[in-house]
């Protein structure tokens, strides 16, 4: 037992190749830090590439008026639906927020 510990202490450990070990169904799985970092970078790049961009804001006065009218119509439709369902206070606020969020 002491010889194994002494041998382990004599073996130099390189900081870049740290090995993460965990047991999965009786098998030891080793993952090097480089591999874990590479996988993390790949995952982060994939998520960034698939992220949706914000819709373009209206720039001209005509576009702003149209967007304002559509928003007012959506709000009015949601209010009418809340009145039809006879929702009050917190339930009404939650319903209106959910209604406005849906396209």
PDB file of N, CA and C in Angstrom:
ATOM      1  N   UNK A   1       0.825  -1.184   0.000  1.00  0.00           N
ATOM      2  CA  UNK A   1       0.000   0.000   0.000  1.00  0.00           C
ATOM      3  C   UNK A   1       0.875   1.255   0.000  1.00  0.00           C
ATOM      4  N   UNK A   2       1.920   1.240   0.831  1.00  0.00           N
ATOM      5  CA  UNK A   2       2.804   2.405   0.893  1.00  0.00           C
ATOM      6  C   UNK A   2       3.549   2.606  -0.409  1.00  0.00           C
ATOM      7  N   UNK A   3       3.896   1.535  -1.065  1.00  0.00           N
ATOM      8  CA  UNK A   3       4.637   1.672  -2.310  1.00  0.00           C
ATOM      9  C   UNK A   3       3.762   2.314  -3.397  1.00  0.00           C
ATOM     10  N   UNK A   4       2.461   2.033  -3.400  1.00  0.00           N
ATOM     11  CA  UNK A   4       1.563   2.641  -4.368  1.00  0.00           C
ATOM     12  C   UNK A   4       1.423   4.133  -4.116  1.00  0.00           C
ATOM     13  N   UNK A   5       1.337   4.507  -2.852  1.00  0.00           N
ATOM     14  CA  UNK A   5       1.215   5.913  -2.499  1.00  0.00           C
ATOM     15  C   UNK A   5       2.498   6.650  -2.849  1.00  0.00           C
ATOM     16  N   UNK A   6       3.632   6.041  -2.538  1.00  0.00           N
ATOM     17  CA  UNK A   6       4.911   6.658  -2.841  1.00  0.00           C
ATOM     18  C   UNK A   6       5.090   6.801  -4.348  1.00  0.00           C
ATOM     19  N   UNK A   7       4.693   5.806  -5.095  1.00  0.00           N
ATOM     20  CA  UNK A   7       4.804   5.877  -6.544  1.00  0.00           C
ATOM     21  C   UNK A   7       3.878   6.956  -7.111  1.00  0.00           C
ATOM     22  N   UNK A   8       2.703   7.089  -6.524  1.00  0.00           N
ATOM     23  CA  UNK A   8       1.762   8.116  -6.983  1.00  0.00           C
ATOM     24  C   UNK A   8       2.303   9.508  -6.683  1.00  0.00           C
ATOM     25  N   UNK A   9       2.983   9.658  -5.552  1.00  0.00           N
ATOM     26  CA  UNK A   9       3.526  10.963  -5.194  1.00  0.00           C
ATOM     27  C   UNK A   9       4.717  11.337  -6.079  1.00  0.00           C
ATOM     28  N   UNK A  10       5.459  10.358  -6.555  1.00  0.00           N
ATOM     29  CA  UNK A  10       6.613  10.618  -7.411  1.00  0.00           C
ATOM     30  C   UNK A  10       6.213  10.946  -8.844  1.00  0.00           C
ATOM     31  N   UNK A  11       5.014  10.541  -9.259  1.00  0.00           N
ATOM     32  CA  UNK A  11       4.567  10.779 -10.623  1.00  0.00           C
ATOM     33  C   UNK A  11       4.180  12.245 -10.768  1.00  0.00           C
ATOM     34  N   UNK A  12       4.817  12.962 -11.716  1.00  0.00           N
ATOM     35  CA  UNK A  12       4.459  14.379 -11.892  1.00  0.00           C
ATOM     36  C   UNK A  12       3.065  14.510 -12.508  1.00  0.00           C
ATOM     37  N   UNK A  13       2.339  15.493 -12.047  1.00  0.00           N
ATOM     38  CA  UNK A  13       1.003  15.760 -12.571  1.00  0.00           C
ATOM     39  C   UNK A  13       1.058  17.040 -13.383  1.00  0.00           C
ATOM     40  N   UNK A  14       0.696  16.931 -14.651  1.00  0.00           N
ATOM     41  CA  UNK A  14       0.654  18.121 -15.486  1.00  0.00           C
ATOM     42  C   UNK A  14      -0.701  18.801 -15.287  1.00  0.00           C
ATOM     43  N   UNK A  15      -0.715  20.119 -15.055  1.00  0.00           N
ATOM     44  CA  UNK A  15      -1.972  20.786 -14.742  1.00  0.00           C
ATOM     45  C   UNK A  15      -2.974  20.820 -15.889  1.00  0.00           C
ATOM     46  N   UNK A  16      -2.513  20.723 -17.136  1.00  0.00           N
ATOM     47  CA  UNK A  16      -3.425  20.796 -18.274  1.00  0.00           C
ATOM     48  C   UNK A  16      -4.147  19.477 -18.479  1.00  0.00           C
ATOM     49  N   UNK A  17      -3.527  18.382 -18.089  1.00  0.00           N
ATOM     50  CA  UNK A  17      -4.135  17.078 -18.325  1.00  0.00           C
ATOM     51  C   UNK A  17      -4.678  16.481 -17.033  1.00  0.00           C
ATOM     52  N   UNK A  18      -5.418  17.268 -16.303  1.00  0.00           N
ATOM     53  CA  UNK A  18      -6.073  16.748 -15.104  1.00  0.00           C
ATOM     54  C   UNK A  18      -7.117  15.750 -15.555  1.00  0.00           C
ATOM     55  N   UNK A  19      -7.198  14.644 -14.866  1.00  0.00           N
ATOM     56  CA  UNK A  19      -8.131  13.598 -15.246  1.00  0.00           C
ATOM     57  C   UNK A  19      -9.255  13.557 -14.228  1.00  0.00           C
ATOM     58  N   UNK A  20     -10.482  13.664 -14.727  1.00  0.00           N
ATOM     59  CA  UNK A  20     -11.645  13.545 -13.875  1.00  0.00           C
ATOM     60  C   UNK A  20     -12.091  12.092 -13.921  1.00  0.00           C
ATOM     61  N   UNK A  21     -12.249  11.494 -12.770  1.00  0.00           N
ATOM     62  CA  UNK A  21     -12.650  10.096 -12.723  1.00  0.00           C
ATOM     63  C   UNK A  21     -13.957   9.979 -11.952  1.00  0.00           C
ATOM     64  N   UNK A  22     -14.857   9.189 -12.485  1.00  0.00           N
ATOM     65  CA  UNK A  22     -16.065   8.867 -11.760  1.00  0.00           C
ATOM     66  C   UNK A  22     -16.478   7.464 -12.166  1.00  0.00           C
ATOM     67  N   UNK A  23     -17.264   6.851 -11.341  1.00  0.00           N
ATOM     68  CA  UNK A  23     -17.655   5.476 -11.581  1.00  0.00           C
ATOM     69  C   UNK A  23     -19.064   5.439 -12.154  1.00  0.00           C
ATOM     70  N   UNK A  24     -19.234   4.663 -13.204  1.00  0.00           N
ATOM     71  CA  UNK A  24     -20.544   4.515 -13.825  1.00  0.00           C
ATOM     72  C   UNK A  24     -20.784   3.035 -14.057  1.00  0.00           C
ATOM     73  N   UNK A  25     -21.684   2.482 -13.303  1.00  0.00           N
ATOM     74  CA  UNK A  25     -22.019   1.053 -13.386  1.00  0.00           C
ATOM     75  C   UNK A  25     -20.787   0.173 -13.212  1.00  0.00           C
ATOM     76  N   UNK A  26     -19.971   0.503 -12.242  1.00  0.00           N
ATOM     77  CA  UNK A  26     -18.812  -0.304 -11.930  1.00  0.00           C
ATOM     78  C   UNK A  26     -17.601  -0.043 -12.789  1.00  0.00           C
ATOM     79  N   UNK A  27     -17.721   0.807 -13.826  1.00  0.00           N
ATOM     80  CA  UNK A  27     -16.587   1.122 -14.675  1.00  0.00           C
ATOM     81  C   UNK A  27     -16.083   2.509 -14.339  1.00  0.00           C
ATOM     82  N   UNK A  28     -14.813   2.697 -14.404  1.00  0.00           N
ATOM     83  CA  UNK A  28     -14.236   4.011 -14.173  1.00  0.00           C
ATOM     84  C   UNK A  28     -14.120   4.723 -15.513  1.00  0.00           C
ATOM     85  N   UNK A  29     -14.664   5.927 -15.571  1.00  0.00           N
ATOM     86  CA  UNK A  29     -14.641   6.718 -16.796  1.00  0.00           C
ATOM     87  C   UNK A  29     -13.683   7.873 -16.573  1.00  0.00           C
ATOM     88  N   UNK A  30     -12.764   8.084 -17.516  1.00  0.00           N
ATOM     89  CA  UNK A  30     -11.790   9.159 -17.404  1.00  0.00           C
ATOM     90  C   UNK A  30     -12.064  10.196 -18.488  1.00  0.00           C
ATOM     91  N   UNK A  31     -12.101  11.419 -18.054  1.00  0.00           N
ATOM     92  CA  UNK A  31     -12.298  12.517 -18.989  1.00  0.00           C
ATOM     93  C   UNK A  31     -11.193  13.534 -18.728  1.00  0.00           C
ATOM     94  N   UNK A  32     -10.424  13.824 -19.738  1.00  0.00           N
ATOM     95  CA  UNK A  32      -9.367  14.806 -19.538  1.00  0.00           C
ATOM     96  C   UNK A  32      -9.969  16.203 -19.579  1.00  0.00           C
ATOM     97  N   UNK A  33      -9.307  17.121 -18.947  1.00  0.00           N
ATOM     98  CA  UNK A  33      -9.781  18.489 -18.880  1.00  0.00           C
ATOM     99  C   UNK A  33      -9.847  19.101 -20.275  1.00  0.00           C
ATOM    100  N   UNK A  34      -8.899  18.767 -21.125  1.00  0.00           N
ATOM    101  CA  UNK A  34      -8.909  19.294 -22.489  1.00  0.00           C
ATOM    102  C   UNK A  34     -10.165  18.861 -23.232  1.00  0.00           C
ATOM    103  N   UNK A  35     -10.521  17.597 -23.093  1.00  0.00           N
ATOM    104  CA  UNK A  35     -11.702  17.082 -23.762  1.00  0.00           C
ATOM    105  C   UNK A  35     -12.958  17.757 -23.218  1.00  0.00           C
ATOM    106  N   UNK A  36     -13.021  17.942 -21.908  1.00  0.00           N
ATOM    107  CA  UNK A  36     -14.180  18.594 -21.301  1.00  0.00           C
ATOM    108  C   UNK A  36     -14.295  20.045 -21.769  1.00  0.00           C
ATOM    109  N   UNK A  37     -13.178  20.749 -21.852  1.00  0.00           N
ATOM    110  CA  UNK A  37     -13.202  22.139 -22.319  1.00  0.00           C
ATOM    111  C   UNK A  37     -13.587  22.226 -23.794  1.00  0.00           C
ATOM    112  N   UNK A  38     -13.085  21.299 -24.593  1.00  0.00           N
ATOM    113  CA  UNK A  38     -13.424  21.300 -26.014  1.00  0.00           C
ATOM    114  C   UNK A  38     -14.910  21.034 -26.211  1.00  0.00           C
ATOM    115  N   UNK A  39     -15.452  20.102 -25.460  1.00  0.00           N
ATOM    116  CA  UNK A  39     -16.878  19.805 -25.553  1.00  0.00           C
ATOM    117  C   UNK A  39     -17.708  21.003 -25.098  1.00  0.00           C
ATOM    118  N   UNK A  40     -17.282  21.663 -24.023  1.00  0.00           N
ATOM    119  CA  UNK A  40     -17.990  22.851 -23.534  1.00  0.00           C
ATOM    120  C   UNK A  40     -17.973  23.975 -24.553  1.00  0.00           C
ATOM    121  N   UNK A  41     -16.839  24.186 -25.207  1.00  0.00           N
ATOM    122  CA  UNK A  41     -16.744  25.233 -26.231  1.00  0.00           C
ATOM    123  C   UNK A  41     -17.637  24.904 -27.423  1.00  0.00           C
ATOM    124  N   UNK A  42     -17.677  23.638 -27.806  1.00  0.00           N
ATOM    125  CA  UNK A  42     -18.535  23.222 -28.907  1.00  0.00           C
ATOM    126  C   UNK A  42     -20.001  23.434 -28.562  1.00  0.00           C
ATOM    127  N   UNK A  43     -20.375  23.074 -27.362  1.00  0.00           N
ATOM    128  CA  UNK A  43     -21.756  23.251 -26.920  1.00  0.00           C
ATOM    129  C   UNK A  43     -22.126  24.725 -26.861  1.00  0.00           C
ATOM    130  N   UNK A  44     -21.244  25.547 -26.344  1.00  0.00           N
ATOM    131  CA  UNK A  44     -21.498  26.979 -26.259  1.00  0.00           C
ATOM    132  C   UNK A  44     -21.633  27.592 -27.653  1.00  0.00           C
ATOM    133  N   UNK A  45     -20.783  27.187 -28.572  1.00  0.00           N
ATOM    134  CA  UNK A  45     -20.868  27.683 -29.945  1.00  0.00           C
ATOM    135  C   UNK A  45     -22.167  27.275 -30.624  1.00  0.00           C
ATOM    136  N   UNK A  46     -22.602  26.054 -30.370  1.00  0.00           N
ATOM    137  CA  UNK A  46     -23.849  25.578 -30.952  1.00  0.00           C
ATOM    138  C   UNK A  46     -25.034  26.360 -30.407  1.00  0.00           C
ATOM    139  N   UNK A  47     -25.038  26.593 -29.112  1.00  0.00           N
ATOM    140  CA  UNK A  47     -26.138  27.349 -28.512  1.00  0.00           C
ATOM    141  C   UNK A  47     -26.159  28.782 -29.014  1.00  0.00           C
ATOM    142  N   UNK A  48     -25.004  29.380 -29.172  1.00  0.00           N
ATOM    143  CA  UNK A  48     -24.944  30.759 -29.662  1.00  0.00           C
ATOM    144  C   UNK A  48     -25.410  30.840 -31.113  1.00  0.00           C
ATOM    145  N   UNK A  49     -25.102  29.832 -31.894  1.00  0.00           N
ATOM    146  CA  UNK A  49     -25.477  29.852 -33.307  1.00  0.00           C
ATOM    147  C   UNK A  49     -26.977  29.661 -33.495  1.00  0.00           C
ATOM    148  N   UNK A  50     -27.610  28.920 -32.608  1.00  0.00           N
ATOM    149  CA  UNK A  50     -29.034  28.643 -32.757  1.00  0.00           C
ATOM    150  C   UNK A  50     -29.908  29.640 -32.012  1.00  0.00           C
ATOM    151  N   UNK A  51     -29.317  30.591 -31.309  1.00  0.00           N
ATOM    152  CA  UNK A  51     -30.104  31.584 -30.577  1.00  0.00           C
ATOM    153  C   UNK A  51     -30.861  32.464 -31.565  1.00  0.00           C
ATOM    154  N   UNK A  52     -32.069  32.818 -31.188  1.00  0.00           N
ATOM    155  CA  UNK A  52     -32.885  33.643 -32.063  1.00  0.00           C
ATOM    156  C   UNK A  52     -32.555  35.111 -31.848  1.00  0.00           C
ATOM    157  N   UNK A  53     -32.535  35.849 -32.928  1.00  0.00           N
ATOM    158  CA  UNK A  53     -32.291  37.280 -32.815  1.00  0.00           C
ATOM    159  C   UNK A  53     -33.618  37.992 -32.577  1.00  0.00           C
ATOM    160  N   UNK A  54     -33.535  39.186 -32.007  1.00  0.00           N
ATOM    161  CA  UNK A  54     -34.727  39.976 -31.727  1.00  0.00           C
ATOM    162  C   UNK A  54     -35.329  40.477 -33.044  1.00  0.00           C
ATOM    163  N   UNK A  55     -36.650  40.605 -33.087  1.00  0.00           N
ATOM    164  CA  UNK A  55     -37.258  41.118 -34.317  1.00  0.00           C
ATOM    165  C   UNK A  55     -36.847  42.572 -34.554  1.00  0.00           C
ATOM    166  N   UNK A  56     -36.816  42.946 -35.806  1.00  0.00           N
ATOM    167  CA  UNK A  56     -36.397  44.298 -36.161  1.00  0.00           C
ATOM    168  C   UNK A  56     -37.412  45.317 -35.653  1.00  0.00           C
ATOM    169  N   UNK A  57     -36.910  46.423 -35.116  1.00  0.00           N
ATOM    170  CA  UNK A  57     -37.786  47.481 -34.635  1.00  0.00           C
ATOM    171  C   UNK A  57     -38.261  48.314 -35.821  1.00  0.00           C
ATOM    172  N   UNK A  58     -39.508  48.798 -35.756  1.00  0.00           N
ATOM    173  CA  UNK A  58     -39.973  49.671 -36.836  1.00  0.00           C
ATOM    174  C   UNK A  58     -39.202  50.991 -36.820  1.00  0.00           C
ATOM    175  N   UNK A  59     -38.859  51.483 -38.009  1.00  0.00           N
ATOM    176  CA  UNK A  59     -38.017  52.671 -38.089  1.00  0.00           C
ATOM    177  C   UNK A  59     -38.746  53.897 -38.623  1.00  0.00           C
ATOM    178  N   UNK A  60     -39.662  53.702 -39.549  1.00  0.00           N
ATOM    179  CA  UNK A  60     -40.345  54.859 -40.123  1.00  0.00           C
ATOM    180  C   UNK A  60     -41.614  55.149 -39.333  1.00  0.00           C
ATOM    181  N   UNK A  61     -42.119  56.367 -39.376  1.00  0.00           N
ATOM    182  CA  UNK A  61     -43.362  56.689 -38.665  1.00  0.00           C
ATOM    183  C   UNK A  61     -44.538  55.811 -39.081  1.00  0.00           C
ATOM    184  N   UNK A  62     -44.611  55.456 -40.343  1.00  0.00           N
ATOM    185  CA  UNK A  62     -45.689  54.573 -40.802  1.00  0.00           C
ATOM    186  C   UNK A  62     -45.584  53.188 -40.183  1.00  0.00           C
ATOM    187  N   UNK A  63     -44.369  52.653 -40.134  1.00  0.00           N
ATOM    188  CA  UNK A  63     -44.160  51.339 -39.522  1.00  0.00           C
ATOM    189  C   UNK A  63     -44.473  51.378 -38.034  1.00  0.00           C
ATOM    190  N   UNK A  64     -44.108  52.458 -37.377  1.00  0.00           N
ATOM    191  CA  UNK A  64     -44.375  52.601 -35.941  1.00  0.00           C
ATOM    192  C   UNK A  64     -45.882  52.653 -35.692  1.00  0.00           C
ATOM    193  N   UNK A  65     -46.610  53.368 -36.538  1.00  0.00           N
ATOM    194  CA  UNK A  65     -48.061  53.464 -36.387  1.00  0.00           C
ATOM    195  C   UNK A  65     -48.721  52.100 -36.577  1.00  0.00           C
ATOM    196  N   UNK A  66     -48.257  51.346 -37.574  1.00  0.00           N
ATOM    197  CA  UNK A  66     -48.812  50.011 -37.822  1.00  0.00           C
ATOM    198  C   UNK A  66     -48.531  49.094 -36.639  1.00  0.00           C
ATOM    199  N   UNK A  67     -47.298  49.114 -36.131  1.00  0.00           N
ATOM    200  CA  UNK A  67     -46.946  48.268 -34.985  1.00  0.00           C
ATOM    201  C   UNK A  67     -47.750  48.664 -33.754  1.00  0.00           C
ATOM    202  N   UNK A  68     -47.948  49.963 -33.561  1.00  0.00           N
ATOM    203  CA  UNK A  68     -48.734  50.443 -32.424  1.00  0.00           C
ATOM    204  C   UNK A  68     -50.183  49.985 -32.532  1.00  0.00           C
ATOM    205  N   UNK A  69     -50.724  50.060 -33.734  1.00  0.00           N
ATOM    206  CA  UNK A  69     -52.104  49.625 -33.940  1.00  0.00           C
ATOM    207  C   UNK A  69     -52.252  48.127 -33.672  1.00  0.00           C
ATOM    208  N   UNK A  70     -51.305  47.326 -34.153  1.00  0.00           N
ATOM    209  CA  UNK A  70     -51.356  45.876 -33.925  1.00  0.00           C
ATOM    210  C   UNK A  70     -51.261  45.545 -32.434  1.00  0.00           C
ATOM    211  N   UNK A  71     -50.384  46.263 -31.724  1.00  0.00           N
ATOM    212  CA  UNK A  71     -50.236  46.037 -30.286  1.00  0.00           C
ATOM    213  C   UNK A  71     -51.506  46.415 -29.540  1.00  0.00           C
ATOM    214  N   UNK A  72     -52.110  47.550 -29.907  1.00  0.00           N
ATOM    215  CA  UNK A  72     -53.348  47.982 -29.257  1.00  0.00           C
ATOM    216  C   UNK A  72     -54.473  46.987 -29.525  1.00  0.00           C
ATOM    217  N   UNK A  73     -54.532  46.468 -30.750  1.00  0.00           N
ATOM    218  CA  UNK A  73     -55.562  45.481 -31.089  1.00  0.00           C
ATOM    219  C   UNK A  73     -55.361  44.191 -30.291  1.00  0.00           C
ATOM    220  N   UNK A  74     -54.119  43.768 -30.161  1.00  0.00           N
ATOM    221  CA  UNK A  74     -53.826  42.558 -29.386  1.00  0.00           C
ATOM    222  C   UNK A  74     -54.219  42.752 -27.920  1.00  0.00           C
ATOM    223  N   UNK A  75     -53.870  43.912 -27.352  1.00  0.00           N
ATOM    224  CA  UNK A  75     -54.243  44.204 -25.964  1.00  0.00           C
ATOM    225  C   UNK A  75     -55.756  44.202 -25.788  1.00  0.00           C
ATOM    226  N   UNK A  76     -56.465  44.816 -26.728  1.00  0.00           N
ATOM    227  CA  UNK A  76     -57.925  44.877 -26.641  1.00  0.00           C
ATOM    228  C   UNK A  76     -58.532  43.478 -26.739  1.00  0.00           C
ATOM    229  N   UNK A  77     -58.034  42.654 -27.638  1.00  0.00           N
ATOM    230  CA  UNK A  77     -58.530  41.281 -27.761  1.00  0.00           C
ATOM    231  C   UNK A  77     -58.305  40.498 -26.469  1.00  0.00           C
ATOM    232  N   UNK A  78     -57.133  40.672 -25.863  1.00  0.00           N
ATOM    233  CA  UNK A  78     -56.843  39.967 -24.615  1.00  0.00           C
ATOM    234  C   UNK A  78     -57.742  40.466 -23.489  1.00  0.00           C
ATOM    235  N   UNK A  79     -57.983  41.781 -23.424  1.00  0.00           N
ATOM    236  CA  UNK A  79     -58.870  42.331 -22.392  1.00  0.00           C
ATOM    237  C   UNK A  79     -60.296  41.811 -22.548  1.00  0.00           C
ATOM    238  N   UNK A  80     -60.762  41.770 -23.787  1.00  0.00           N
ATOM    239  CA  UNK A  80     -62.121  41.259 -24.029  1.00  0.00           C
ATOM    240  C   UNK A  80     -62.246  39.794 -23.613  1.00  0.00           C
ATOM    241  N   UNK A  81     -61.226  39.004 -23.920  1.00  0.00           N
ATOM    242  CA  UNK A  81     -61.246  37.590 -23.530  1.00  0.00           C
ATOM    243  C   UNK A  81     -61.231  37.444 -22.014  1.00  0.00           C
ATOM    244  N   UNK A  82     -60.453  38.273 -21.316  1.00  0.00           N
ATOM    245  CA  UNK A  82     -60.416  38.233 -19.849  1.00  0.00           C
ATOM    246  C   UNK A  82     -61.770  38.625 -19.268  1.00  0.00           C
ATOM    247  N   UNK A  83     -62.417  39.621 -19.871  1.00  0.00           N
ATOM    248  CA  UNK A  83     -63.756  40.002 -19.414  1.00  0.00           C
ATOM    249  C   UNK A  83     -64.758  38.886 -19.660  1.00  0.00           C
ATOM    250  N   UNK A  84     -64.652  38.239 -20.810  1.00  0.00           N
ATOM    251  CA  UNK A  84     -65.563  37.143 -21.137  1.00  0.00           C
ATOM    252  C   UNK A  84     -65.424  35.992 -20.144  1.00  0.00           C
ATOM    253  N   UNK A  85     -64.176  35.736 -19.708  1.00  0.00           N
ATOM    254  CA  UNK A  85     -63.935  34.667 -18.730  1.00  0.00           C
ATOM    255  C   UNK A  85     -64.170  35.124 -17.299  1.00  0.00           C
ATOM    256  N   UNK A  86     -64.479  36.409 -17.099  1.00  0.00           N
ATOM    257  CA  UNK A  86     -64.751  36.994 -15.784  1.00  0.00           C
ATOM    258  C   UNK A  86     -63.583  36.786 -14.821  1.00  0.00           C
ATOM    259  N   UNK A  87     -62.379  37.085 -15.306  1.00  0.00           N
ATOM    260  CA  UNK A  87     -61.189  36.958 -14.476  1.00  0.00           C
ATOM    261  C   UNK A  87     -60.967  38.235 -13.690  1.00  0.00           C
ATOM    262  N   UNK A  88     -60.470  38.108 -12.467  1.00  0.00           N
ATOM    263  CA  UNK A  88     -60.235  39.267 -11.610  1.00  0.00           C
ATOM    264  C   UNK A  88     -58.838  39.203 -11.024  1.00  0.00           C
ATOM    265  N   UNK A  89     -58.283  40.361 -10.746  1.00  0.00           N
ATOM    266  CA  UNK A  89     -57.022  40.579 -10.050  1.00  0.00           C
ATOM    267  C   UNK A  89     -55.874  39.754 -10.604  1.00  0.00           C
ATOM    268  N   UNK A  90     -55.326  38.860  -9.776  1.00  0.00           N
ATOM    269  CA  UNK A  90     -54.101  38.157 -10.137  1.00  0.00           C
ATOM    270  C   UNK A  90     -54.304  37.225 -11.335  1.00  0.00           C
ATOM    271  N   UNK A  91     -55.441  36.528 -11.358  1.00  0.00           N
ATOM    272  CA  UNK A  91     -55.702  35.631 -12.485  1.00  0.00           C
ATOM    273  C   UNK A  91     -55.795  36.426 -13.793  1.00  0.00           C
ATOM    274  N   UNK A  92     -56.382  37.616 -13.713  1.00  0.00           N
ATOM    275  CA  UNK A  92     -56.515  38.464 -14.898  1.00  0.00           C
ATOM    276  C   UNK A  92     -55.142  38.917 -15.385  1.00  0.00           C
ATOM    277  N   UNK A  93     -54.302  39.361 -14.459  1.00  0.00           N
ATOM    278  CA  UNK A  93     -52.953  39.818 -14.837  1.00  0.00           C
ATOM    279  C   UNK A  93     -52.148  38.688 -15.479  1.00  0.00           C
ATOM    280  N   UNK A  94     -52.215  37.504 -14.878  1.00  0.00           N
ATOM    281  CA  UNK A  94     -51.500  36.355 -15.442  1.00  0.00           C
ATOM    282  C   UNK A  94     -52.024  36.008 -16.827  1.00  0.00           C
ATOM    283  N   UNK A  95     -53.350  36.037 -16.966  1.00  0.00           N
ATOM    284  CA  UNK A  95     -53.938  35.722 -18.260  1.00  0.00           C
ATOM    285  C   UNK A  95     -53.510  36.742 -19.311  1.00  0.00           C
ATOM    286  N   UNK A  96     -53.563  38.036 -18.968  1.00  0.00           N
ATOM    287  CA  UNK A  96     -53.194  39.075 -19.918  1.00  0.00           C
ATOM    288  C   UNK A  96     -51.727  38.945 -20.338  1.00  0.00           C
ATOM    289  N   UNK A  97     -50.852  38.656 -19.383  1.00  0.00           N
ATOM    290  CA  UNK A  97     -49.433  38.493 -19.717  1.00  0.00           C
ATOM    291  C   UNK A  97     -49.233  37.305 -20.654  1.00  0.00           C
ATOM    292  N   UNK A  98     -49.903  36.185 -20.368  1.00  0.00           N
ATOM    293  CA  UNK A  98     -49.769  34.995 -21.217  1.00  0.00           C
ATOM    294  C   UNK A  98     -50.376  35.240 -22.601  1.00  0.00           C
ATOM    295  N   UNK A  99     -51.498  35.947 -22.620  1.00  0.00           N
ATOM    296  CA  UNK A  99     -52.179  36.235 -23.886  1.00  0.00           C
ATOM    297  C   UNK A  99     -51.320  37.138 -24.779  1.00  0.00           C
ATOM    298  N   UNK A 100     -50.716  38.146 -24.193  1.00  0.00           N
ATOM    299  CA  UNK A 100     -49.878  39.072 -24.965  1.00  0.00           C
ATOM    300  C   UNK A 100     -48.588  38.405 -25.443  1.00  0.00           C
ATOM    301  N   UNK A 101     -48.110  37.419 -24.686  1.00  0.00           N
ATOM    302  CA  UNK A 101     -46.859  36.739 -25.056  1.00  0.00           C
ATOM    303  C   UNK A 101     -47.054  35.813 -26.249  1.00  0.00           C
ATOM    304  N   UNK A 102     -48.262  35.283 -26.415  1.00  0.00           N
ATOM    305  CA  UNK A 102     -48.528  34.375 -27.532  1.00  0.00           C
ATOM    306  C   UNK A 102     -48.774  35.164 -28.807  1.00  0.00           C
ATOM    307  N   UNK A 103     -48.174  34.733 -29.914  1.00  0.00           N
ATOM    308  CA  UNK A 103     -48.372  35.471 -31.179  1.00  0.00           C
ATOM    309  C   UNK A 103     -49.765  35.291 -31.737  1.00  0.00           C
TER     310      UNK A 103
END
